[in-house]
C-alpha atoms as a PDB file:
ATOM      1  CA  MET A   1     151.219  12.663 323.218  1.00  0.00           C
ATOM      2  CA  HIS A   2     149.339  10.868 320.492  1.00  0.00           C
ATOM      3  CA  GLU A   3     150.113   7.859 318.366  1.00  0.00           C
ATOM      4  CA  ILE A   4     149.845   8.877 314.719  1.00  0.00           C
ATOM      5  CA  ARG A   5     150.810   5.429 313.461  1.00  0.00           C
ATOM      6  CA  PRO A   6     151.434   2.151 315.265  1.00  0.00           C
ATOM      7  CA  GLY A   7     154.598   2.552 317.313  1.00  0.00           C
ATOM      8  CA  LEU A   8     155.126   6.208 316.353  1.00  0.00           C
ATOM      9  CA  VAL A   9     154.112   8.770 318.977  1.00  0.00           C
ATOM     10  CA  LEU A  10     154.241  12.574 318.813  1.00  0.00           C
ATOM     11  CA  ARG A  11     154.118  15.292 321.450  1.00  0.00           C
ATOM     12  CA  GLY A  12     153.699  18.953 320.567  1.00  0.00           C
ATOM     13  CA  VAL A  13     154.456  18.785 316.827  1.00  0.00           C
ATOM     14  CA  GLN A  14     152.398  18.196 313.725  1.00  0.00           C
ATOM     15  CA  PRO A  15     153.788  16.420 310.675  1.00  0.00           C
ATOM     16  CA  PRO A  16     154.971  16.841 308.081  1.00  0.00           C
ATOM     17  CA  LEU A  17     158.276  18.345 309.167  1.00  0.00           C
ATOM     18  CA  CYS A  18     160.994  19.234 306.684  1.00  0.00           C
ATOM     19  CA  LEU A  19     164.297  17.441 307.266  1.00  0.00           C
ATOM     20  CA  SER A  20     166.256  20.156 305.452  1.00  0.00           C
ATOM     21  CA  ASP A  21     165.000  22.719 308.009  1.00  0.00           C
ATOM     22  CA  PHE A  22     167.424  21.041 310.409  1.00  0.00           C
ATOM     23  CA  LYS A  23     171.213  21.275 310.100  1.00  0.00           C
ATOM     24  CA  LEU A  24     172.531  18.740 312.633  1.00  0.00           C
ATOM     25  CA  MET A  25     171.532  15.214 313.651  1.00  0.00           C
ATOM     26  CA  ALA A  26     172.950  14.022 316.984  1.00  0.00           C
ATOM     27  CA  PHE A  27     172.871  10.322 317.792  1.00  0.00           C
ATOM     28  CA  ASP A  28     173.477   8.382 320.962  1.00  0.00           C
ATOM     29  CA  MET A  29     175.259   5.130 320.104  1.00  0.00           C
ATOM     30  CA  ASP A  30     174.521   2.197 322.433  1.00  0.00           C
ATOM     31  CA  SER A  31     170.989   0.820 321.980  1.00  0.00           C
ATOM     32  CA  THR A  32     170.196   3.726 319.631  1.00  0.00           C
ATOM     33  CA  LEU A  33     172.439   3.689 316.590  1.00  0.00           C
ATOM     34  CA  ILE A  34     173.659   0.168 317.415  1.00  0.00           C
ATOM     35  CA  ASN A  35     171.972  -2.903 318.898  1.00  0.00           C
ATOM     36  CA  ILE A  36     174.055  -3.458 322.041  1.00  0.00           C
ATOM     37  CA  GLU A  37     175.349  -1.781 325.181  1.00  0.00           C
ATOM     38  CA  CYS A  38     179.073  -2.181 324.501  1.00  0.00           C
ATOM     39  CA  VAL A  39     180.112  -2.022 328.158  1.00  0.00           C
ATOM     40  CA  ASP A  40     177.801  -4.957 328.958  1.00  0.00           C
ATOM     41  CA  GLU A  41     179.217  -7.061 326.133  1.00  0.00           C
ATOM     42  CA  ILE A  42     182.827  -6.299 327.105  1.00  0.00           C
ATOM     43  CA  ALA A  43     181.935  -7.329 330.653  1.00  0.00           C
ATOM     44  CA  ASP A  44     180.782 -10.690 329.304  1.00  0.00           C
ATOM     45  CA  ALA A  45     184.419 -11.460 328.504  1.00  0.00           C
ATOM     46  CA  ALA A  46     185.240 -10.899 332.187  1.00  0.00           C
ATOM     47  CA  GLY A  47     182.303 -13.021 333.361  1.00  0.00           C
ATOM     48  CA  ARG A  48     180.687  -9.883 334.826  1.00  0.00           C
ATOM     49  CA  LYS A  49     177.921  -9.169 332.300  1.00  0.00           C
ATOM     50  CA  ALA A  50     174.960  -9.557 334.658  1.00  0.00           C
ATOM     51  CA  GLU A  51     176.540  -7.288 337.261  1.00  0.00           C
ATOM     52  CA  VAL A  52     177.490  -4.593 334.753  1.00  0.00           C
ATOM     53  CA  ALA A  53     174.213  -4.820 332.816  1.00  0.00           C
ATOM     54  CA  ALA A  54     172.219  -4.235 336.015  1.00  0.00           C
ATOM     55  CA  ILE A  55     174.116  -0.979 336.622  1.00  0.00           C
ATOM     56  CA  THR A  56     173.680   0.046 332.980  1.00  0.00           C
ATOM     57  CA  GLU A  57     169.945  -0.573 333.095  1.00  0.00           C
ATOM     58  CA  ALA A  58     169.544   1.454 336.278  1.00  0.00           C
ATOM     59  CA  ALA A  59     171.595   4.313 334.822  1.00  0.00           C
ATOM     60  CA  MET A  60     169.603   4.350 331.584  1.00  0.00           C
ATOM     61  CA  ARG A  61     166.314   4.386 333.490  1.00  0.00           C
ATOM     62  CA  GLY A  62     167.508   7.397 335.466  1.00  0.00           C
ATOM     63  CA  GLU A  63     167.606   5.496 338.750  1.00  0.00           C
ATOM     64  CA  ILE A  64     171.292   6.338 339.325  1.00  0.00           C
ATOM     65  CA  ALA A  65     171.774  10.084 339.708  1.00  0.00           C
ATOM     66  CA  ASP A  66     175.558  10.097 339.180  1.00  0.00           C
ATOM     67  CA  TYR A  67     176.196   8.723 335.678  1.00  0.00           C
ATOM     68  CA  LYS A  68     179.948   9.287 335.937  1.00  0.00           C
ATOM     69  CA  GLU A  69     180.225   7.209 339.078  1.00  0.00           C
ATOM     70  CA  SER A  70     178.067   4.457 337.543  1.00  0.00           C
ATOM     71  CA  LEU A  71     180.370   4.313 334.535  1.00  0.00           C
ATOM     72  CA  ARG A  72     183.513   4.242 336.681  1.00  0.00           C
ATOM     73  CA  ARG A  73     182.016   1.311 338.610  1.00  0.00           C
ATOM     74  CA  ARG A  74     181.279  -0.569 335.395  1.00  0.00           C
ATOM     75  CA  VAL A  75     184.656   0.135 333.795  1.00  0.00           C
ATOM     76  CA  ALA A  76     186.456  -1.024 336.946  1.00  0.00           C
ATOM     77  CA  LEU A  77     184.784  -4.412 336.449  1.00  0.00           C
ATOM     78  CA  LEU A  78     186.313  -4.626 332.946  1.00  0.00           C
ATOM     79  CA  LYS A  79     189.856  -4.763 334.288  1.00  0.00           C
ATOM     80  CA  GLY A  80     191.885  -7.479 332.570  1.00  0.00           C
ATOM     81  CA  VAL A  81     189.698  -7.791 329.454  1.00  0.00           C
ATOM     82  CA  SER A  82     191.857  -7.923 326.332  1.00  0.00           C
ATOM     83  CA  VAL A  83     191.641  -5.619 323.334  1.00  0.00           C
ATOM     84  CA  ALA A  84     191.217  -8.808 321.308  1.00  0.00           C
ATOM     85  CA  SER A  85     188.009  -9.511 323.250  1.00  0.00           C
ATOM     86  CA  MET A  86     186.738  -6.030 322.396  1.00  0.00           C
ATOM     87  CA  GLU A  87     187.525  -6.682 318.741  1.00  0.00           C
ATOM     88  CA  GLN A  88     185.440  -9.828 319.056  1.00  0.00           C
ATOM     89  CA  VAL A  89     182.515  -7.815 320.443  1.00  0.00           C
ATOM     90  CA  TYR A  90     182.712  -5.438 317.490  1.00  0.00           C
ATOM     91  CA  ALA A  91     183.017  -8.204 314.914  1.00  0.00           C
ATOM     92  CA  THR A  92     180.424 -10.659 316.224  1.00  0.00           C
ATOM     93  CA  ARG A  93     177.900  -8.816 318.422  1.00  0.00           C
ATOM     94  CA  LEU A  94     177.658  -5.206 317.273  1.00  0.00           C
ATOM     95  CA  ARG A  95     175.157  -4.423 314.524  1.00  0.00           C
ATOM     96  CA  LEU A  96     173.658  -1.194 313.299  1.00  0.00           C
ATOM     97  CA  ASN A  97     170.058  -0.947 314.391  1.00  0.00           C
ATOM     98  CA  PRO A  98     167.439  -1.282 311.632  1.00  0.00           C
ATOM     99  CA  GLY A  99     167.076   1.871 309.588  1.00  0.00           C
ATOM    100  CA  ALA A 100     170.321   3.436 310.857  1.00  0.00           C
ATOM    101  CA  ALA A 101     172.079   3.545 307.496  1.00  0.00           C
ATOM    102  CA  GLU A 102     168.885   4.737 305.783  1.00  0.00           C
ATOM    103  CA  LEU A 103     168.355   7.595 308.241  1.00  0.00           C
ATOM    104  CA  VAL A 104     172.005   8.643 308.076  1.00  0.00           C
ATOM    105  CA  GLY A 105     171.854   8.629 304.284  1.00  0.00           C
ATOM    106  CA  ALA A 106     168.685  10.736 304.247  1.00  0.00           C
ATOM    107  CA  CYS A 107     170.237  13.255 306.643  1.00  0.00           C
ATOM    108  CA  LYS A 108     173.310  13.585 304.453  1.00  0.00           C
ATOM    109  CA  ARG A 109     171.227  14.097 301.324  1.00  0.00           C
ATOM    110  CA  ALA A 110     169.256  16.808 303.143  1.00  0.00           C
ATOM    111  CA  GLY A 111     172.508  18.580 304.044  1.00  0.00           C
ATOM    112  CA  LEU A 112     172.630  17.788 307.766  1.00  0.00           C
ATOM    113  CA  LYS A 113     175.905  17.274 309.603  1.00  0.00           C
ATOM    114  CA  LEU A 114     176.107  14.223 311.888  1.00  0.00           C
ATOM    115  CA  LEU A 115     177.214  14.006 315.510  1.00  0.00           C
ATOM    116  CA  LEU A 116     177.766  10.780 317.461  1.00  0.00           C
ATOM    117  CA  VAL A 117     177.895  11.515 321.183  1.00  0.00           C
ATOM    118  CA  SER A 118     178.136   8.572 323.542  1.00  0.00           C
ATOM    119  CA  GLY A 119     178.679   7.576 327.129  1.00  0.00           C
ATOM    120  CA  GLY A 120     180.438   4.584 325.574  1.00  0.00           C
ATOM    121  CA  PHE A 121     183.930   4.262 324.217  1.00  0.00           C
ATOM    122  CA  THR A 122     186.072   5.566 321.366  1.00  0.00           C
ATOM    123  CA  PHE A 123     187.028   1.972 320.522  1.00  0.00           C
ATOM    124  CA  PHE A 124     183.521   1.613 319.089  1.00  0.00           C
ATOM    125  CA  THR A 125     182.490   5.190 318.248  1.00  0.00           C
ATOM    126  CA  ASP A 126     185.529   5.667 315.998  1.00  0.00           C
ATOM    127  CA  ARG A 127     184.600   2.571 314.025  1.00  0.00           C
ATOM    128  CA  ILE A 128     180.945   3.600 313.698  1.00  0.00           C
ATOM    129  CA  ARG A 129     182.035   7.111 312.713  1.00  0.00           C
ATOM    130  CA  ASP A 130     184.180   5.735 309.897  1.00  0.00           C
ATOM    131  CA  ARG A 131     181.574   3.180 308.834  1.00  0.00           C
ATOM    132  CA  LEU A 132     178.770   5.735 308.486  1.00  0.00           C
ATOM    133  CA  GLY A 133     180.767   8.837 307.575  1.00  0.00           C
ATOM    134  CA  ILE A 134     179.820  10.761 310.729  1.00  0.00           C
ATOM    135  CA  ASP A 135     181.270  14.261 311.055  1.00  0.00           C
ATOM    136  CA  PHE A 136     181.790  14.685 314.818  1.00  0.00           C
ATOM    137  CA  THR A 137     182.108  12.360 317.814  1.00  0.00           C
ATOM    138  CA  ARG A 138     182.567  12.536 321.556  1.00  0.00           C
ATOM    139  CA  SER A 139     182.925   9.536 323.853  1.00  0.00           C
ATOM    140  CA  ASN A 140     185.163   8.009 326.509  1.00  0.00           C
ATOM    141  CA  VAL A 141     188.639   6.480 326.224  1.00  0.00           C
ATOM    142  CA  LEU A 142     189.371   3.175 327.934  1.00  0.00           C
ATOM    143  CA  GLU A 143     192.895   2.933 329.352  1.00  0.00           C
ATOM    144  CA  VAL A 144     194.865   0.020 327.892  1.00  0.00           C
ATOM    145  CA  GLN A 145     198.211  -1.337 329.090  1.00  0.00           C
ATOM    146  CA  GLY A 146     199.878  -4.376 327.584  1.00  0.00           C
ATOM    147  CA  GLY A 147     196.872  -5.133 325.414  1.00  0.00           C
ATOM    148  CA  VAL A 148     194.392  -5.325 328.315  1.00  0.00           C
ATOM    149  CA  LEU A 149     192.040  -2.890 330.027  1.00  0.00           C
ATOM    150  CA  THR A 150     193.220  -1.362 333.303  1.00  0.00           C
ATOM    151  CA  GLY A 151     189.700  -0.714 334.591  1.00  0.00           C
ATOM    152  CA  LYS A 152     190.139   3.039 334.211  1.00  0.00           C
ATOM    153  CA  MET A 153     189.396   5.740 331.645  1.00  0.00           C
ATOM    154  CA  VAL A 154     191.705   8.393 330.251  1.00  0.00           C
ATOM    155  CA  ASP A 155     190.953  12.087 330.802  1.00  0.00           C
ATOM    156  CA  GLN A 156     190.581  14.086 327.588  1.00  0.00           C
ATOM    157  CA  PRO A 157     191.121  17.793 326.805  1.00  0.00           C
ATOM    158  CA  TRP A 158     187.383  18.481 327.207  1.00  0.00           C
ATOM    159  CA  GLY A 159     187.013  16.621 330.520  1.00  0.00           C
ATOM    160  CA  ASP A 160     186.868  13.202 332.131  1.00  0.00           C
ATOM    161  CA  ILE A 161     183.623  11.410 331.191  1.00  0.00           C
ATOM    162  CA  CYS A 162     180.966  12.002 328.554  1.00  0.00           C
ATOM    163  CA  ASP A 163     177.809  12.059 330.664  1.00  0.00           C
ATOM    164  CA  GLY A 164     174.471  13.739 330.025  1.00  0.00           C
ATOM    165  CA  ASN A 165     175.792  17.243 330.666  1.00  0.00           C
ATOM    166  CA  GLU A 166     178.743  16.650 328.349  1.00  0.00           C
ATOM    167  CA  LYS A 167     176.389  15.359 325.636  1.00  0.00           C
ATOM    168  CA  ARG A 168     174.396  18.590 325.863  1.00  0.00           C
ATOM    169  CA  LYS A 169     177.579  20.678 325.869  1.00  0.00           C
ATOM    170  CA  MET A 170     178.917  18.857 322.797  1.00  0.00           C
ATOM    171  CA  LEU A 171     175.660  19.381 320.919  1.00  0.00           C
ATOM    172  CA  GLN A 172     175.712  23.086 321.784  1.00  0.00           C
ATOM    173  CA  GLU A 173     179.401  23.456 320.873  1.00  0.00           C
ATOM    174  CA  THR A 174     178.865  21.682 317.554  1.00  0.00           C
ATOM    175  CA  CYS A 175     175.932  23.958 316.747  1.00  0.00           C
ATOM    176  CA  SER A 176     178.086  26.969 317.579  1.00  0.00           C
ATOM    177  CA  ALA A 177     180.916  25.723 315.359  1.00  0.00           C
ATOM    178  CA  LEU A 178     178.451  25.225 312.503  1.00  0.00           C
ATOM    179  CA  GLY A 179     176.915  28.664 313.059  1.00  0.00           C
ATOM    180  CA  ILE A 180     173.448  27.262 313.747  1.00  0.00           C
ATOM    181  CA  ALA A 181     171.002  27.436 316.651  1.00  0.00           C
ATOM    182  CA  PRO A 182     170.364  24.325 318.805  1.00  0.00           C
ATOM    183  CA  ALA A 183     166.755  24.613 317.585  1.00  0.00           C
ATOM    184  CA  GLN A 184     168.091  23.480 314.191  1.00  0.00           C
ATOM    185  CA  ALA A 185     169.381  20.208 315.705  1.00  0.00           C
ATOM    186  CA  ILE A 186     167.690  16.837 316.110  1.00  0.00           C
ATOM    187  CA  ALA A 187     168.835  14.650 319.015  1.00  0.00           C
ATOM    188  CA  MET A 188     168.047  10.941 319.254  1.00  0.00           C
ATOM    189  CA  GLY A 189     168.621   8.671 322.235  1.00  0.00           C
ATOM    190  CA  ASP A 190     167.188   5.990 324.501  1.00  0.00           C
ATOM    191  CA  GLY A 191     168.486   6.556 328.026  1.00  0.00           C
ATOM    192  CA  ALA A 192     168.280   9.102 330.833  1.00  0.00           C
ATOM    193  CA  ASN A 193     171.770  10.395 330.048  1.00  0.00           C
ATOM    194  CA  ASP A 194     170.452  11.506 326.636  1.00  0.00           C
ATOM    195  CA  LEU A 195     167.792  13.788 328.126  1.00  0.00           C
ATOM    196  CA  PRO A 196     170.002  16.897 328.550  1.00  0.00           C
ATOM    197  CA  MET A 197     171.021  16.959 324.883  1.00  0.00           C
ATOM    198  CA  MET A 198     167.509  16.050 323.776  1.00  0.00           C
ATOM    199  CA  ALA A 199     166.140  18.989 325.792  1.00  0.00           C
ATOM    200  CA  ALA A 200     168.619  21.356 324.108  1.00  0.00           C
ATOM    201  CA  ALA A 201     167.698  20.285 320.564  1.00  0.00           C
ATOM    202  CA  GLY A 202     164.859  21.592 318.427  1.00  0.00           C
ATOM    203  CA  LEU A 203     163.504  18.071 317.914  1.00  0.00           C
ATOM    204  CA  SER A 204     164.041  15.181 320.331  1.00  0.00           C
ATOM    205  CA  VAL A 205     163.552  11.564 319.323  1.00  0.00           C
ATOM    206  CA  ALA A 206     163.287   8.602 321.704  1.00  0.00           C
ATOM    207  CA  TYR A 207     164.208   5.314 320.035  1.00  0.00           C
ATOM    208  CA  HIS A 208     162.915   2.150 321.773  1.00  0.00           C
ATOM    209  CA  ALA A 209     163.645   4.179 324.875  1.00  0.00           C
ATOM    210  CA  LYS A 210     163.230   3.969 328.634  1.00  0.00           C
ATOM    211  CA  PRO A 211     159.843   5.222 329.911  1.00  0.00           C
ATOM    212  CA  ARG A 212     161.193   8.522 331.245  1.00  0.00           C
ATOM    213  CA  VAL A 213     162.796   9.307 327.888  1.00  0.00           C
ATOM    214  CA  ARG A 214     159.689   8.387 325.875  1.00  0.00           C
ATOM    215  CA  GLU A 215     157.605  10.678 328.073  1.00  0.00           C
ATOM    216  CA  GLN A 216     159.829  13.713 327.482  1.00  0.00           C
ATOM    217  CA  ALA A 217     160.683  13.317 323.788  1.00  0.00           C
ATOM    218  CA  THR A 218     158.967  15.141 320.937  1.00  0.00           C
ATOM    219  CA  VAL A 219     158.901  11.909 318.919  1.00  0.00           C
ATOM    220  CA  ALA A 220     158.926   8.360 320.283  1.00  0.00           C
ATOM    221  CA  ILE A 221     159.732   5.481 317.942  1.00  0.00           C
ATOM    222  CA  ASN A 222     158.475   2.465 319.871  1.00  0.00           C
ATOM    223  CA  SER A 223     158.506  -0.083 317.063  1.00  0.00           C
ATOM    224  CA  GLY A 224     160.383  -0.414 313.792  1.00  0.00           C
ATOM    225  CA  GLY A 225     163.676   1.154 312.753  1.00  0.00           C
ATOM    226  CA  LEU A 226     165.369   4.524 313.183  1.00  0.00           C
ATOM    227  CA  ASP A 227     164.271   5.521 309.691  1.00  0.00           C
ATOM    228  CA  ARG A 228     160.663   5.740 310.929  1.00  0.00           C
ATOM    229  CA  LEU A 229     161.582   9.334 311.749  1.00  0.00           C
ATOM    230  CA  LEU A 230     161.436   9.927 308.002  1.00  0.00           C
ATOM    231  CA  GLU A 231     157.701   9.134 308.061  1.00  0.00           C
ATOM    232  CA  LEU A 232     157.245  12.554 309.683  1.00  0.00           C
ATOM    233  CA  MET A 233     159.318  14.387 307.098  1.00  0.00           C
ATOM    234  CA  ASN A 234     158.645  15.728 303.634  1.00  0.00           C
END
């Protein structure tokens, strides 16, 4: 890998690339498209943030082999948190990361479709989808009863939990539906659970990522915003 500009590292590609050569842009959400890990911030309302954040950090670094089990453990600790508290997280803590809107806009102008695939929750991905005009999403559903979280998730037609393998599967299925090859997709993420979909894509981008992810990505953005990817494009 070599640093072509401060905070922008490449492995195995030479710029300039052409954005319009790609047809799909797949984003992770937490700590990639947005500034927070939503599960950690929800846990804050239950007084369990430190406990949950420690599990999240270990999972993102790839130190926990079973992502699904790590997420079940974290969600169980959210039991009793109100939907109103989650609304508060969205309204007061969640922000798009720098350059997110600019990169999304550039992708749309170049004709790319957009996929948001997250180990997080539909409560947030649906809002980000609508805010940015994203075409496809896949994420997890928190079970709610009486306006509070039960500490469980709801199974969906495609499966139980969106982990790394499900992220890869969703990217591949979206490519198939669009009639394109995975080589025509860009995948961007920051954690170990993003590596399967990043490996399946033609171009993988690590954004302020964990060491293992930076080491394996085609492009690593280590400083600045998401739109630094555009510095490689013509």
